[in-house]
Amino acid sequence: MKFYIIIFLLTISFLTKAQKKIFNSANTEESVQNLYHQSIGFNQAIFNGQEYFHRMSKLTGHVFWNENIFKNGSVSFDGNIYPNIPLKLDLLNEELITYRTNTTLQVKITKEKIDSFNIADTRFIHLTQNIDSKMPEGFYEVLHQGKYIVICKRIKTIKEIVSPDGVENKIEQKNNYYINDKGEYKEIKSRQILYDFFKDKKESVLQYAKQENLNYKTDTESYILFTIKYYEQITN
């Protein structure tokens, strides 16, 4: 009898501490949601996608964003936030991958229900095709979010290279950059399109780029980001 009383008292003590931890948090809503997801575990809908397979052999390079490893992140999925789950992004097939920690099974998170997600500190948004948007549907990496938003669509494809030694399947990556001005995205297809965006501040921005040794051809991404950030500063 004493044994059951001790167990009961320890249980009450644990629950009380857990409640205090939640409601003393700076973000009560997030803490409650974290506790909910930890309690429900891997029975949630986000983990019920199809099993993920990809070809590992006979490819030079890999199909994933950044690295071929899982990193903790969060997903806005079907109206809910799912924090602290392992994520990996397949750029070839444009699939967001996770796995159940109690198994080695990798699953595809249902793409249609994804609004946005973070892999470590990098944020992605999911743009869907609609009548008002000319943007290709898919996942976009958010490179900058200030007065203007700069996003990038990273695309991986397989290129077949024939040589005397045989056929090599090589992964190649292409990056398409877009800037959001007044709610509309515009693709930066060339240096001239970027210059036109700077309007009457073009000469000032070009002078800044020269001073900072920025080169559009050799490092397009850095050139776009640094010049747009500078343009924000001189137009505020």
Protein backbone atom coordinates (compact mmCIF):
# COMPACT_ATOMS: atom_id res chain seq x y z
CA MET A 1 0.00 0.00 0.00
CA LYS A 2 2.80 2.41 0.91
CA PHE A 3 4.46 1.61 -2.40
CA TYR A 4 1.37 2.76 -4.38
CA ILE A 5 1.09 5.93 -2.29
CA ILE A 6 4.72 6.81 -3.06
CA ILE A 7 4.16 6.22 -6.79
CA PHE A 8 1.03 8.41 -6.69
CA LEU A 9 2.88 11.26 -4.93
CA LEU A 10 5.80 11.09 -7.37
CA THR A 11 3.38 11.22 -10.32
CA ILE A 12 1.60 14.29 -8.90
CA SER A 13 4.98 15.97 -8.30
CA PHE A 14 6.11 15.29 -11.88
CA LEU A 15 2.89 16.64 -13.43
CA THR A 16 3.01 19.77 -11.26
CA LYS A 17 6.58 20.52 -12.33
CA ALA A 18 5.67 19.93 -15.98
CA GLN A 19 2.74 22.35 -15.74
CA LYS A 20 4.90 25.02 -14.10
CA LYS A 21 7.52 24.58 -16.81
CA ILE A 22 4.91 25.06 -19.51
CA PHE A 23 3.09 28.05 -18.10
CA ASN A 24 6.24 29.86 -16.96
CA SER A 25 7.57 29.72 -20.50
CA ALA A 26 7.88 32.94 -22.51
CA ASN A 27 5.79 31.31 -25.19
CA THR A 28 3.00 29.33 -23.51
CA GLU A 29 1.30 28.33 -26.77
CA GLU A 30 4.50 26.87 -28.21
CA SER A 31 5.25 24.98 -24.98
CA VAL A 32 1.77 23.42 -24.90
CA GLN A 33 2.11 22.46 -28.55
CA ASN A 34 5.54 20.90 -27.92
CA LEU A 35 4.12 18.84 -25.04
CA TYR A 36 1.24 17.72 -27.25
CA HIS A 37 3.55 16.58 -30.06
CA GLN A 38 5.86 14.82 -27.62
CA SER A 39 2.85 13.01 -26.13
CA ILE A 40 1.32 12.00 -29.46
CA GLY A 41 4.75 11.12 -30.86
CA PHE A 42 5.12 9.57 -34.27
CA ASN A 43 1.46 8.69 -34.72
CA GLN A 44 0.82 12.16 -36.11
CA ALA A 45 -0.40 12.70 -39.68
CA ILE A 46 2.86 14.34 -40.75
CA PHE A 47 4.62 10.96 -40.42
CA ASN A 48 2.05 9.03 -42.44
CA GLY A 49 3.43 9.78 -45.91
CA GLN A 50 4.69 7.25 -48.44
CA GLU A 51 8.00 5.51 -47.88
CA TYR A 52 10.92 7.34 -49.46
CA PHE A 53 13.38 5.69 -51.85
CA HIS A 54 16.14 7.20 -53.97
CA ARG A 55 18.90 5.82 -56.10
CA MET A 56 22.22 5.85 -54.27
CA SER A 57 24.49 4.13 -56.78
CA LYS A 58 25.95 5.25 -60.12
CA LEU A 59 25.41 8.94 -59.36
CA THR A 60 28.14 11.55 -59.12
CA GLY A 61 26.97 13.94 -56.39
CA HIS A 62 23.81 13.74 -54.31
CA VAL A 63 20.21 14.83 -54.73
CA PHE A 64 19.80 16.69 -51.43
CA TRP A 65 19.84 20.31 -50.34
CA ASN A 66 23.11 21.25 -48.68
CA GLU A 67 24.15 17.86 -47.25
CA ASN A 68 23.05 14.26 -47.39
CA ILE A 69 22.20 14.22 -43.68
CA PHE A 70 19.15 14.79 -41.50
CA LYS A 71 18.99 17.98 -39.44
CA ASN A 72 16.40 18.97 -36.85
CA GLY A 73 13.83 21.46 -38.02
CA SER A 74 10.16 22.38 -37.92
CA VAL A 75 7.28 22.11 -40.39
CA SER A 76 4.08 24.09 -40.80
CA PHE A 77 1.84 21.24 -41.93
CA ASP A 78 -1.91 21.33 -42.49
CA GLY A 79 -2.33 24.33 -40.16
CA ASN A 80 -0.13 23.00 -37.33
CA ILE A 81 3.50 23.53 -36.35
CA TYR A 82 5.59 20.39 -35.82
CA PRO A 83 8.88 21.30 -34.08
CA ASN A 84 12.09 19.36 -33.51
CA ILE A 85 11.77 16.69 -36.18
CA PRO A 86 14.54 15.34 -38.45
CA LEU A 87 14.37 16.73 -41.99
CA LYS A 88 16.16 16.34 -45.29
CA LEU A 89 15.19 17.93 -48.63
CA ASP A 90 15.46 16.00 -51.90
CA LEU A 91 15.94 18.65 -54.60
CA LEU A 92 15.83 16.21 -57.52
CA ASN A 93 12.32 14.98 -56.71
CA GLU A 94 11.38 17.98 -54.54
CA GLU A 95 10.37 15.93 -51.53
CA LEU A 96 10.73 16.80 -47.84
CA ILE A 97 11.85 13.70 -45.96
CA THR A 98 11.66 12.68 -42.32
CA TYR A 99 11.86 9.43 -40.42
CA ARG A 100 10.42 7.77 -37.35
CA THR A 101 12.96 7.69 -34.55
CA ASN A 102 11.80 4.24 -33.48
CA THR A 103 12.50 2.80 -36.96
CA THR A 104 14.83 3.35 -39.90
CA LEU A 105 11.87 4.05 -42.19
CA GLN A 106 12.20 7.28 -44.17
CA VAL A 107 8.93 8.86 -45.31
CA LYS A 108 7.90 11.69 -47.62
CA ILE A 109 5.91 14.43 -45.90
CA THR A 110 2.77 15.03 -47.96
CA LYS A 111 3.81 18.00 -50.10
CA GLU A 112 0.34 19.45 -50.63
CA LYS A 113 -0.11 20.05 -46.89
CA ILE A 114 3.25 21.80 -46.32
CA ASP A 115 3.07 25.59 -45.92
CA SER A 116 6.67 26.23 -44.86
CA PHE A 117 9.52 24.59 -42.98
CA ASN A 118 12.92 25.18 -41.43
CA ILE A 119 15.95 22.96 -41.71
CA ALA A 120 18.21 24.09 -38.87
CA ASP A 121 18.31 27.90 -39.34
CA THR A 122 17.30 27.95 -43.00
CA ARG A 123 13.68 28.75 -43.86
CA PHE A 124 11.73 27.47 -46.87
CA ILE A 125 8.30 28.41 -48.15
CA HIS A 126 5.98 26.35 -50.32
CA LEU A 127 4.48 28.33 -53.17
CA THR A 128 1.50 26.73 -54.86
CA GLN A 129 0.21 27.43 -58.32
CA ASN A 130 -2.79 29.73 -58.54
CA ILE A 131 -4.44 32.04 -61.06
CA ASP A 132 -2.79 35.18 -59.68
CA SER A 133 0.75 33.78 -59.50
CA LYS A 134 3.15 33.03 -62.35
CA MET A 135 5.66 31.46 -59.98
CA PRO A 136 6.50 27.79 -60.54
CA GLU A 137 5.07 25.65 -57.76
CA GLY A 138 7.54 24.26 -55.26
CA PHE A 139 9.83 24.81 -52.29
CA TYR A 140 11.82 28.06 -52.15
CA GLU A 141 14.68 28.92 -49.83
CA VAL A 142 14.31 32.31 -48.14
CA LEU A 143 17.65 34.09 -48.54
CA HIS A 144 16.65 37.51 -47.22
CA GLN A 145 13.56 38.97 -45.59
CA GLY A 146 13.64 42.73 -45.09
CA LYS A 147 11.97 45.53 -46.99
CA TYR A 148 12.27 43.16 -49.93
CA ILE A 149 12.15 39.36 -49.85
CA VAL A 150 14.69 37.35 -51.83
CA ILE A 151 14.03 33.66 -52.43
CA CYS A 152 15.79 30.95 -54.39
CA LYS A 153 14.49 27.89 -56.23
CA ARG A 154 17.28 25.32 -56.15
CA ILE A 155 16.83 22.63 -58.79
CA LYS A 156 18.86 19.46 -59.22
CA THR A 157 18.84 17.39 -62.39
CA ILE A 158 20.72 14.35 -63.69
CA LYS A 159 23.01 14.96 -66.64
CA GLU A 160 24.24 12.00 -68.65
CA ILE A 161 27.88 12.34 -69.70
CA VAL A 162 29.26 9.90 -72.27
CA SER A 163 33.00 9.27 -72.34
CA PRO A 164 35.36 6.52 -73.58
CA ASP A 165 35.15 5.06 -70.06
CA GLY A 166 31.37 4.73 -70.22
CA VAL A 167 28.33 6.72 -69.13
CA GLU A 168 28.39 8.92 -66.04
CA ASN A 169 25.22 10.20 -64.39
CA LYS A 170 26.13 13.50 -62.78
CA ILE A 171 24.00 15.64 -60.48
CA GLU A 172 23.87 19.28 -61.55
CA GLN A 173 22.29 22.19 -59.68
CA LYS A 174 20.66 25.35 -60.98
CA ASN A 175 19.59 28.29 -58.81
CA ASN A 176 16.78 30.64 -59.83
CA TYR A 177 16.49 33.88 -57.84
CA TYR A 178 13.39 35.98 -57.21
CA ILE A 179 12.68 39.26 -55.44
CA ASN A 180 9.36 40.23 -53.93
CA ASP A 181 8.37 43.85 -54.44
CA LYS A 182 4.90 44.99 -53.37
CA GLY A 183 3.62 41.43 -53.04
CA GLU A 184 4.76 40.20 -56.44
CA TYR A 185 7.77 38.02 -57.20
CA LYS A 186 10.03 38.84 -60.12
CA GLU A 187 12.76 36.52 -61.38
CA ILE A 188 16.25 37.96 -61.56
CA LYS A 189 17.26 36.32 -64.82
CA SER A 190 20.11 38.69 -65.59
CA ARG A 191 22.28 41.45 -64.19
CA GLN A 192 20.32 44.00 -66.21
CA ILE A 193 17.01 43.00 -64.57
CA LEU A 194 18.65 43.53 -61.19
CA TYR A 195 20.01 46.94 -62.28
CA ASP A 196 16.56 47.99 -63.49
CA PHE A 197 15.19 47.15 -60.04
CA PHE A 198 17.53 49.72 -58.46
CA LYS A 199 16.06 52.49 -60.64
CA ASP A 200 17.63 55.88 -59.91
CA LYS A 201 19.93 54.38 -57.26
CA LYS A 202 21.64 52.16 -59.80
CA GLU A 203 24.93 54.11 -59.92
CA SER A 204 25.22 54.19 -56.13
CA VAL A 205 24.64 50.42 -55.93
CA LEU A 206 27.15 49.73 -58.70
CA GLN A 207 29.76 51.82 -56.91
CA TYR A 208 29.12 49.87 -53.71
CA ALA A 209 29.46 46.54 -55.56
CA LYS A 210 32.76 47.67 -57.03
CA GLN A 211 34.12 48.75 -53.64
CA GLU A 212 33.15 45.40 -52.11
CA ASN A 213 34.65 43.44 -55.04
CA LEU A 214 31.32 41.77 -55.77
CA ASN A 215 31.08 39.83 -59.02
CA TYR A 216 27.73 38.88 -60.51
CA LYS A 217 29.17 36.25 -62.83
CA THR A 218 31.33 34.34 -60.35
CA ASP A 219 29.09 34.66 -57.26
CA THR A 220 25.59 35.61 -58.37
CA GLU A 221 23.93 34.86 -55.04
CA SER A 222 26.22 37.06 -52.95
CA TYR A 223 26.01 39.84 -55.52
CA ILE A 224 22.20 39.85 -55.43
CA LEU A 225 21.97 39.68 -51.63
CA PHE A 226 24.58 42.33 -50.82
CA THR A 227 23.35 44.82 -53.42
CA ILE A 228 19.70 44.45 -52.41
CA LYS A 229 20.57 44.89 -48.73
CA TYR A 230 22.54 48.01 -49.61
CA TYR A 231 19.66 49.29 -51.74
CA GLU A 232 17.33 48.84 -48.74
CA GLN A 233 19.69 50.96 -46.64
CA ILE A 234 19.92 53.88 -49.04
CA THR A 235 16.19 53.96 -49.80
CA ASN A 236 14.86 53.88 -46.20
